[in-house]
Amino acid sequence: RLGTRLTGTFDNRTWRSVKRYQRAHDLPV
């Protein structure tokens, strides 16, 4: 759903993607 690499591991790339999504949608970062 985030459009990031499908690794099945919550890695640094996923962590950065989650924060970007949160900033873009008025969510607690």
PDB file of all heavy atoms in Angstrom:
ATOM      1  N   ARG A   1       0.821  -1.215   0.000  1.00  0.00           N
ATOM      2  CA  ARG A   1       0.000   0.000   0.000  1.00  0.00           C
ATOM      3  C   ARG A   1       0.859   1.271   0.000  1.00  0.00           C
ATOM      4  O   ARG A   1       0.430   2.305  -0.506  1.00  0.00           O
ATOM      5  CB  ARG A   1      -0.948  -0.011   1.197  1.00  0.00           C
ATOM      6  CG  ARG A   1      -2.040  -1.070   1.070  1.00  0.00           C
ATOM      7  CD  ARG A   1      -2.969  -1.112   2.270  1.00  0.00           C
ATOM      8  NE  ARG A   1      -4.047  -2.063   2.041  1.00  0.00           N
ATOM      9  CZ  ARG A   1      -5.186  -1.779   1.423  1.00  0.00           C
ATOM     10  NH1 ARG A   1      -5.397  -0.550   0.974  1.00  0.00           N
ATOM     11  NH2 ARG A   1      -6.113  -2.708   1.262  1.00  0.00           N
ATOM     12  N   LEU A   2       2.038   1.171   0.570  1.00  0.00           N
ATOM     13  CA  LEU A   2       2.948   2.319   0.582  1.00  0.00           C
ATOM     14  C   LEU A   2       3.710   2.463  -0.722  1.00  0.00           C
ATOM     15  O   LEU A   2       4.334   3.503  -0.974  1.00  0.00           O
ATOM     16  CB  LEU A   2       3.948   2.176   1.742  1.00  0.00           C
ATOM     17  CG  LEU A   2       3.389   2.336   3.159  1.00  0.00           C
ATOM     18  CD1 LEU A   2       4.406   1.835   4.179  1.00  0.00           C
ATOM     19  CD2 LEU A   2       3.022   3.790   3.435  1.00  0.00           C
ATOM     20  N   GLY A   3       3.687   1.422  -1.533  1.00  0.00           N
ATOM     21  CA  GLY A   3       4.414   1.464  -2.803  1.00  0.00           C
ATOM     22  C   GLY A   3       5.904   1.326  -2.639  1.00  0.00           C
ATOM     23  O   GLY A   3       6.675   1.836  -3.464  1.00  0.00           O
ATOM     24  N   THR A   4       6.328   0.627  -1.590  1.00  0.00           N
ATOM     25  CA  THR A   4       7.753   0.418  -1.372  1.00  0.00           C
ATOM     26  C   THR A   4       8.096  -1.043  -1.601  1.00  0.00           C
ATOM     27  O   THR A   4       7.222  -1.883  -1.788  1.00  0.00           O
ATOM     28  CB  THR A   4       8.155   0.853   0.056  1.00  0.00           C
ATOM     29  OG1 THR A   4       9.573   0.904   0.158  1.00  0.00           O
ATOM     30  CG2 THR A   4       7.593  -0.094   1.104  1.00  0.00           C
ATOM     31  N   ARG A   5       9.364  -1.363  -1.577  1.00  0.00           N
ATOM     32  CA  ARG A   5       9.835  -2.705  -1.919  1.00  0.00           C
ATOM     33  C   ARG A   5       9.236  -3.763  -0.999  1.00  0.00           C
ATOM     34  O   ARG A   5       9.218  -3.601   0.226  1.00  0.00           O
ATOM     35  CB  ARG A   5      11.360  -2.742  -1.829  1.00  0.00           C
ATOM     36  CG  ARG A   5      11.995  -4.032  -2.335  1.00  0.00           C
ATOM     37  CD  ARG A   5      13.487  -3.873  -2.453  1.00  0.00           C
ATOM     38  NE  ARG A   5      14.093  -3.484  -1.179  1.00  0.00           N
ATOM     39  CZ  ARG A   5      15.362  -3.121  -1.052  1.00  0.00           C
ATOM     40  NH1 ARG A   5      16.129  -3.042  -2.127  1.00  0.00           N
ATOM     41  NH2 ARG A   5      15.832  -2.791   0.134  1.00  0.00           N
ATOM     42  N   LEU A   6       8.752  -4.855  -1.594  1.00  0.00           N
ATOM     43  CA  LEU A   6       8.102  -5.918  -0.836  1.00  0.00           C
ATOM     44  C   LEU A   6       9.151  -6.878  -0.291  1.00  0.00           C
ATOM     45  O   LEU A   6       9.594  -7.804  -0.977  1.00  0.00           O
ATOM     46  CB  LEU A   6       7.105  -6.679  -1.723  1.00  0.00           C
ATOM     47  CG  LEU A   6       5.927  -5.869  -2.277  1.00  0.00           C
ATOM     48  CD1 LEU A   6       5.068  -6.730  -3.190  1.00  0.00           C
ATOM     49  CD2 LEU A   6       5.084  -5.312  -1.139  1.00  0.00           C
ATOM     50  N   THR A   7       9.541  -6.652   0.944  1.00  0.00           N
ATOM     51  CA  THR A   7      10.535  -7.512   1.579  1.00  0.00           C
ATOM     52  C   THR A   7       9.949  -8.333   2.710  1.00  0.00           C
ATOM     53  O   THR A   7      10.553  -9.321   3.131  1.00  0.00           O
ATOM     54  CB  THR A   7      11.692  -6.674   2.134  1.00  0.00           C
ATOM     55  OG1 THR A   7      11.177  -5.804   3.171  1.00  0.00           O
ATOM     56  CG2 THR A   7      12.332  -5.816   1.043  1.00  0.00           C
ATOM     57  N   GLY A   8       8.809  -7.906   3.247  1.00  0.00           N
ATOM     58  CA  GLY A   8       8.255  -8.573   4.416  1.00  0.00           C
ATOM     59  C   GLY A   8       8.990  -8.230   5.699  1.00  0.00           C
ATOM     60  O   GLY A   8       8.691  -8.777   6.760  1.00  0.00           O
ATOM     61  N   THR A   9       9.943  -7.309   5.607  1.00  0.00           N
ATOM     62  CA  THR A   9      10.701  -6.867   6.780  1.00  0.00           C
ATOM     63  C   THR A   9      10.549  -5.362   6.953  1.00  0.00           C
ATOM     64  O   THR A   9      10.695  -4.608   5.993  1.00  0.00           O
ATOM     65  CB  THR A   9      12.195  -7.205   6.625  1.00  0.00           C
ATOM     66  OG1 THR A   9      12.350  -8.625   6.515  1.00  0.00           O
ATOM     67  CG2 THR A   9      12.993  -6.710   7.824  1.00  0.00           C
ATOM     68  N   PHE A  10      10.249  -4.945   8.159  1.00  0.00           N
ATOM     69  CA  PHE A  10      10.103  -3.515   8.458  1.00  0.00           C
ATOM     70  C   PHE A  10      11.510  -2.928   8.560  1.00  0.00           C
ATOM     71  O   PHE A  10      12.072  -2.771   9.640  1.00  0.00           O
ATOM     72  CB  PHE A  10       9.346  -3.340   9.776  1.00  0.00           C
ATOM     73  CG  PHE A  10       8.688  -1.991   9.948  1.00  0.00           C
ATOM     74  CD1 PHE A  10       7.421  -1.884  10.494  1.00  0.00           C
ATOM     75  CD2 PHE A  10       9.332  -0.821   9.572  1.00  0.00           C
ATOM     76  CE1 PHE A  10       6.815  -0.653  10.674  1.00  0.00           C
ATOM     77  CE2 PHE A  10       8.749   0.420   9.739  1.00  0.00           C
ATOM     78  CZ  PHE A  10       7.480   0.499  10.294  1.00  0.00           C
ATOM     79  N   ASP A  11      12.076  -2.594   7.409  1.00  0.00           N
ATOM     80  CA  ASP A  11      13.448  -2.119   7.315  1.00  0.00           C
ATOM     81  C   ASP A  11      13.493  -0.598   7.271  1.00  0.00           C
ATOM     82  O   ASP A  11      12.471   0.086   7.406  1.00  0.00           O
ATOM     83  CB  ASP A  11      14.136  -2.720   6.089  1.00  0.00           C
ATOM     84  CG  ASP A  11      13.292  -2.566   4.823  1.00  0.00           C
ATOM     85  OD1 ASP A  11      12.395  -1.688   4.795  1.00  0.00           O
ATOM     86  OD2 ASP A  11      13.525  -3.320   3.865  1.00  0.00           O
ATOM     87  N   ASN A  12      14.690  -0.049   7.046  1.00  0.00           N
ATOM     88  CA  ASN A  12      14.850   1.408   7.011  1.00  0.00           C
ATOM     89  C   ASN A  12      14.041   2.046   5.896  1.00  0.00           C
ATOM     90  O   ASN A  12      13.457   3.121   6.074  1.00  0.00           O
ATOM     91  CB  ASN A  12      16.335   1.764   6.843  1.00  0.00           C
ATOM     92  CG  ASN A  12      17.091   1.760   8.157  1.00  0.00           C
ATOM     93  OD1 ASN A  12      16.779   2.524   9.066  1.00  0.00           O
ATOM     94  ND2 ASN A  12      18.063   0.879   8.270  1.00  0.00           N
ATOM     95  N   ARG A  13      13.998   1.397   4.737  1.00  0.00           N
ATOM     96  CA  ARG A  13      13.229   1.943   3.625  1.00  0.00           C
ATOM     97  C   ARG A  13      11.739   2.032   3.982  1.00  0.00           C
ATOM     98  O   ARG A  13      11.079   3.035   3.711  1.00  0.00           O
ATOM     99  CB  ARG A  13      13.420   1.069   2.380  1.00  0.00           C
ATOM    100  CG  ARG A  13      12.768   1.631   1.114  1.00  0.00           C
ATOM    101  CD  ARG A  13      12.785   0.577   0.011  1.00  0.00           C
ATOM    102  NE  ARG A  13      14.146   0.189  -0.337  1.00  0.00           N
ATOM    103  CZ  ARG A  13      14.829   0.719  -1.343  1.00  0.00           C
ATOM    104  NH1 ARG A  13      14.277   1.662  -2.099  1.00  0.00           N
ATOM    105  NH2 ARG A  13      16.047   0.299  -1.612  1.00  0.00           N
ATOM    106  N   THR A  14      11.227   0.984   4.605  1.00  0.00           N
ATOM    107  CA  THR A  14       9.819   0.979   5.019  1.00  0.00           C
ATOM    108  C   THR A  14       9.572   2.019   6.096  1.00  0.00           C
ATOM    109  O   THR A  14       8.539   2.715   6.084  1.00  0.00           O
ATOM    110  CB  THR A  14       9.427  -0.420   5.532  1.00  0.00           C
ATOM    111  OG1 THR A  14       9.730  -1.394   4.531  1.00  0.00           O
ATOM    112  CG2 THR A  14       7.948  -0.485   5.872  1.00  0.00           C
ATOM    113  N   TRP A  15      10.493   2.133   7.044  1.00  0.00           N
ATOM    114  CA  TRP A  15      10.356   3.122   8.121  1.00  0.00           C
ATOM    115  C   TRP A  15      10.252   4.525   7.549  1.00  0.00           C
ATOM    116  O   TRP A  15       9.400   5.321   7.956  1.00  0.00           O
ATOM    117  CB  TRP A  15      11.560   2.988   9.054  1.00  0.00           C
ATOM    118  CG  TRP A  15      11.525   3.851  10.277  1.00  0.00           C
ATOM    119  CD1 TRP A  15      10.661   3.779  11.326  1.00  0.00           C
ATOM    120  CD2 TRP A  15      12.418   4.925  10.590  1.00  0.00           C
ATOM    121  NE1 TRP A  15      10.960   4.737  12.269  1.00  0.00           N
ATOM    122  CE2 TRP A  15      12.034   5.448  11.852  1.00  0.00           C
ATOM    123  CE3 TRP A  15      13.521   5.483   9.934  1.00  0.00           C
ATOM    124  CZ2 TRP A  15      12.702   6.512  12.451  1.00  0.00           C
ATOM    125  CZ3 TRP A  15      14.190   6.541  10.546  1.00  0.00           C
ATOM    126  CH2 TRP A  15      13.781   7.047  11.789  1.00  0.00           C
ATOM    127  N   ARG A  16      11.094   4.844   6.573  1.00  0.00           N
ATOM    128  CA  ARG A  16      11.042   6.172   5.945  1.00  0.00           C
ATOM    129  C   ARG A  16       9.737   6.355   5.166  1.00  0.00           C
ATOM    130  O   ARG A  16       9.145   7.443   5.173  1.00  0.00           O
ATOM    131  CB  ARG A  16      12.244   6.364   5.027  1.00  0.00           C
ATOM    132  CG  ARG A  16      13.569   6.502   5.777  1.00  0.00           C
ATOM    133  CD  ARG A  16      14.680   6.969   4.858  1.00  0.00           C
ATOM    134  NE  ARG A  16      14.965   5.989   3.804  1.00  0.00           N
ATOM    135  CZ  ARG A  16      15.882   5.041   3.913  1.00  0.00           C
ATOM    136  NH1 ARG A  16      16.592   4.922   5.022  1.00  0.00           N
ATOM    137  NH2 ARG A  16      16.101   4.208   2.904  1.00  0.00           N
ATOM    138  N   SER A  17       9.259   5.296   4.505  1.00  0.00           N
ATOM    139  CA  SER A  17       8.005   5.379   3.754  1.00  0.00           C
ATOM    140  C   SER A  17       6.818   5.615   4.678  1.00  0.00           C
ATOM    141  O   SER A  17       5.908   6.385   4.361  1.00  0.00           O
ATOM    142  CB  SER A  17       7.789   4.093   2.945  1.00  0.00           C
ATOM    143  OG  SER A  17       8.780   3.932   1.956  1.00  0.00           O
ATOM    144  N   VAL A  18       6.818   4.948   5.814  1.00  0.00           N
ATOM    145  CA  VAL A  18       5.741   5.138   6.794  1.00  0.00           C
ATOM    146  C   VAL A  18       5.718   6.583   7.274  1.00  0.00           C
ATOM    147  O   VAL A  18       4.654   7.220   7.349  1.00  0.00           O
ATOM    148  CB  VAL A  18       5.904   4.168   7.987  1.00  0.00           C
ATOM    149  CG1 VAL A  18       4.958   4.545   9.130  1.00  0.00           C
ATOM    150  CG2 VAL A  18       5.646   2.730   7.552  1.00  0.00           C
ATOM    151  N   LYS A  19       6.872   7.147   7.582  1.00  0.00           N
ATOM    152  CA  LYS A  19       6.914   8.532   8.054  1.00  0.00           C
ATOM    153  C   LYS A  19       6.453   9.510   6.970  1.00  0.00           C
ATOM    154  O   LYS A  19       5.743  10.478   7.275  1.00  0.00           O
ATOM    155  CB  LYS A  19       8.324   8.881   8.522  1.00  0.00           C
ATOM    156  CG  LYS A  19       8.752   8.170   9.796  1.00  0.00           C
ATOM    157  CD  LYS A  19       9.971   8.817  10.413  1.00  0.00           C
ATOM    158  CE  LYS A  19      11.167   8.719   9.487  1.00  0.00           C
ATOM    159  NZ  LYS A  19      12.342   9.414  10.044  1.00  0.00           N
ATOM    160  N   ARG A  20       6.838   9.259   5.732  1.00  0.00           N
ATOM    161  CA  ARG A  20       6.373  10.133   4.642  1.00  0.00           C
ATOM    162  C   ARG A  20       4.858  10.074   4.528  1.00  0.00           C
ATOM    163  O   ARG A  20       4.196  11.114   4.346  1.00  0.00           O
ATOM    164  CB  ARG A  20       7.022   9.713   3.318  1.00  0.00           C
ATOM    165  CG  ARG A  20       8.446  10.201   3.138  1.00  0.00           C
ATOM    166  CD  ARG A  20       8.876  10.086   1.696  1.00  0.00           C
ATOM    167  NE  ARG A  20       8.880   8.701   1.231  1.00  0.00           N
ATOM    168  CZ  ARG A  20       9.928   7.892   1.304  1.00  0.00           C
ATOM    169  NH1 ARG A  20      11.057   8.317   1.843  1.00  0.00           N
ATOM    170  NH2 ARG A  20       9.850   6.667   0.838  1.00  0.00           N
ATOM    171  N   TYR A  21       4.305   8.868   4.604  1.00  0.00           N
ATOM    172  CA  TYR A  21       2.849   8.721   4.520  1.00  0.00           C
ATOM    173  C   TYR A  21       2.178   9.455   5.682  1.00  0.00           C
ATOM    174  O   TYR A  21       1.168  10.156   5.490  1.00  0.00           O
ATOM    175  CB  TYR A  21       2.463   7.245   4.538  1.00  0.00           C
ATOM    176  CG  TYR A  21       0.984   7.013   4.371  1.00  0.00           C
ATOM    177  CD1 TYR A  21       0.424   6.889   3.105  1.00  0.00           C
ATOM    178  CD2 TYR A  21       0.138   6.964   5.475  1.00  0.00           C
ATOM    179  CE1 TYR A  21      -0.946   6.701   2.940  1.00  0.00           C
ATOM    180  CE2 TYR A  21      -1.231   6.778   5.329  1.00  0.00           C
ATOM    181  CZ  TYR A  21      -1.763   6.645   4.058  1.00  0.00           C
ATOM    182  OH  TYR A  21      -3.127   6.479   3.900  1.00  0.00           O
ATOM    183  N   GLN A  22       2.703   9.319   6.864  1.00  0.00           N
ATOM    184  CA  GLN A  22       2.110   9.962   8.032  1.00  0.00           C
ATOM    185  C   GLN A  22       2.136  11.482   7.908  1.00  0.00           C
ATOM    186  O   GLN A  22       1.154  12.158   8.246  1.00  0.00           O
ATOM    187  CB  GLN A  22       2.847   9.499   9.296  1.00  0.00           C
ATOM    188  CG  GLN A  22       2.563   8.042   9.648  1.00  0.00           C
ATOM    189  CD  GLN A  22       3.476   7.506  10.743  1.00  0.00           C
ATOM    190  OE1 GLN A  22       4.587   7.982  10.938  1.00  0.00           O
ATOM    191  NE2 GLN A  22       3.003   6.494  11.459  1.00  0.00           N
ATOM    192  N   ARG A  23       3.232  12.033   7.420  1.00  0.00           N
ATOM    193  CA  ARG A  23       3.311  13.488   7.243  1.00  0.00           C
ATOM    194  C   ARG A  23       2.292  13.965   6.206  1.00  0.00           C
ATOM    195  O   ARG A  23       1.723  15.058   6.341  1.00  0.00           O
ATOM    196  CB  ARG A  23       4.716  13.888   6.800  1.00  0.00           C
ATOM    197  CG  ARG A  23       5.776  13.734   7.868  1.00  0.00           C
ATOM    198  CD  ARG A  23       7.079  14.382   7.429  1.00  0.00           C
ATOM    199  NE  ARG A  23       8.164  14.094   8.351  1.00  0.00           N
ATOM    200  CZ  ARG A  23       9.059  13.141   8.171  1.00  0.00           C
ATOM    201  NH1 ARG A  23       9.012  12.396   7.058  1.00  0.00           N
ATOM    202  NH2 ARG A  23      10.011  12.926   9.053  1.00  0.00           N
ATOM    203  N   ALA A  24       2.074  13.166   5.184  1.00  0.00           N
ATOM    204  CA  ALA A  24       1.176  13.569   4.099  1.00  0.00           C
ATOM    205  C   ALA A  24      -0.298  13.442   4.458  1.00  0.00           C
ATOM    206  O   ALA A  24      -1.142  14.003   3.756  1.00  0.00           O
ATOM    207  CB  ALA A  24       1.462  12.730   2.850  1.00  0.00           C
ATOM    208  N   HIS A  25      -0.616  12.743   5.546  1.00  0.00           N
ATOM    209  CA  HIS A  25      -2.017  12.479   5.867  1.00  0.00           C
ATOM    210  C   HIS A  25      -2.412  12.920   7.271  1.00  0.00           C
ATOM    211  O   HIS A  25      -3.358  12.371   7.854  1.00  0.00           O
ATOM    212  CB  HIS A  25      -2.316  10.984   5.683  1.00  0.00           C
ATOM    213  CG  HIS A  25      -2.246  10.539   4.252  1.00  0.00           C
ATOM    214  ND1 HIS A  25      -3.318  10.616   3.388  1.00  0.00           N
ATOM    215  CD2 HIS A  25      -1.214  10.043   3.529  1.00  0.00           C
ATOM    216  CE1 HIS A  25      -2.960  10.179   2.192  1.00  0.00           C
ATOM    217  NE2 HIS A  25      -1.682   9.820   2.250  1.00  0.00           N
ATOM    218  N   ASP A  26      -1.724  13.924   7.809  1.00  0.00           N
ATOM    219  CA  ASP A  26      -2.078  14.460   9.132  1.00  0.00           C
ATOM    220  C   ASP A  26      -2.119  13.378  10.202  1.00  0.00           C
ATOM    221  O   ASP A  26      -3.014  13.350  11.052  1.00  0.00           O
ATOM    222  CB  ASP A  26      -3.429  15.182   9.067  1.00  0.00           C
ATOM    223  CG  ASP A  26      -3.263  16.669   8.771  1.00  0.00           C
ATOM    224  OD1 ASP A  26      -2.140  17.075   8.426  1.00  0.00           O
ATOM    225  OD2 ASP A  26      -4.246  17.416   8.878  1.00  0.00           O
ATOM    226  N   LEU A  27      -1.140  12.502  10.192  1.00  0.00           N
ATOM    227  CA  LEU A  27      -1.033  11.448  11.192  1.00  0.00           C
ATOM    228  C   LEU A  27       0.137  11.735  12.120  1.00  0.00           C
ATOM    229  O   LEU A  27       1.112  12.379  11.710  1.00  0.00           O
ATOM    230  CB  LEU A  27      -0.816  10.093  10.510  1.00  0.00           C
ATOM    231  CG  LEU A  27      -2.002   9.540   9.722  1.00  0.00           C
ATOM    232  CD1 LEU A  27      -1.529   8.475   8.732  1.00  0.00           C
ATOM    233  CD2 LEU A  27      -3.039   8.956  10.678  1.00  0.00           C
ATOM    234  N   PRO A  28       0.088  11.269  13.359  1.00  0.00           N
ATOM    235  CA  PRO A  28       1.271  11.402  14.216  1.00  0.00           C
ATOM    236  C   PRO A  28       2.449  10.688  13.562  1.00  0.00           C
ATOM    237  O   PRO A  28       2.341   9.522  13.176  1.00  0.00           O
ATOM    238  CB  PRO A  28       0.845  10.709  15.517  1.00  0.00           C
ATOM    239  CG  PRO A  28      -0.650  10.738  15.503  1.00  0.00           C
ATOM    240  CD  PRO A  28      -1.041  10.625  14.060  1.00  0.00           C
ATOM    241  N   VAL A  29       3.565  11.376  13.426  1.00  0.00           N
ATOM    242  CA  VAL A  29       4.727  10.791  12.750  1.00  0.00           C
ATOM    243  C   VAL A  29       5.474   9.922  13.756  1.00  0.00           C
ATOM    244  O   VAL A  29       6.447  10.347  14.388  1.00  0.00           O
ATOM    245  CB  VAL A  29       5.634  11.888  12.153  1.00  0.00           C
ATOM    246  CG1 VAL A  29       6.807  11.253  11.411  1.00  0.00           C
ATOM    247  CG2 VAL A  29       4.838  12.771  11.213  1.00  0.00           C
TER     248      VAL A  29
END
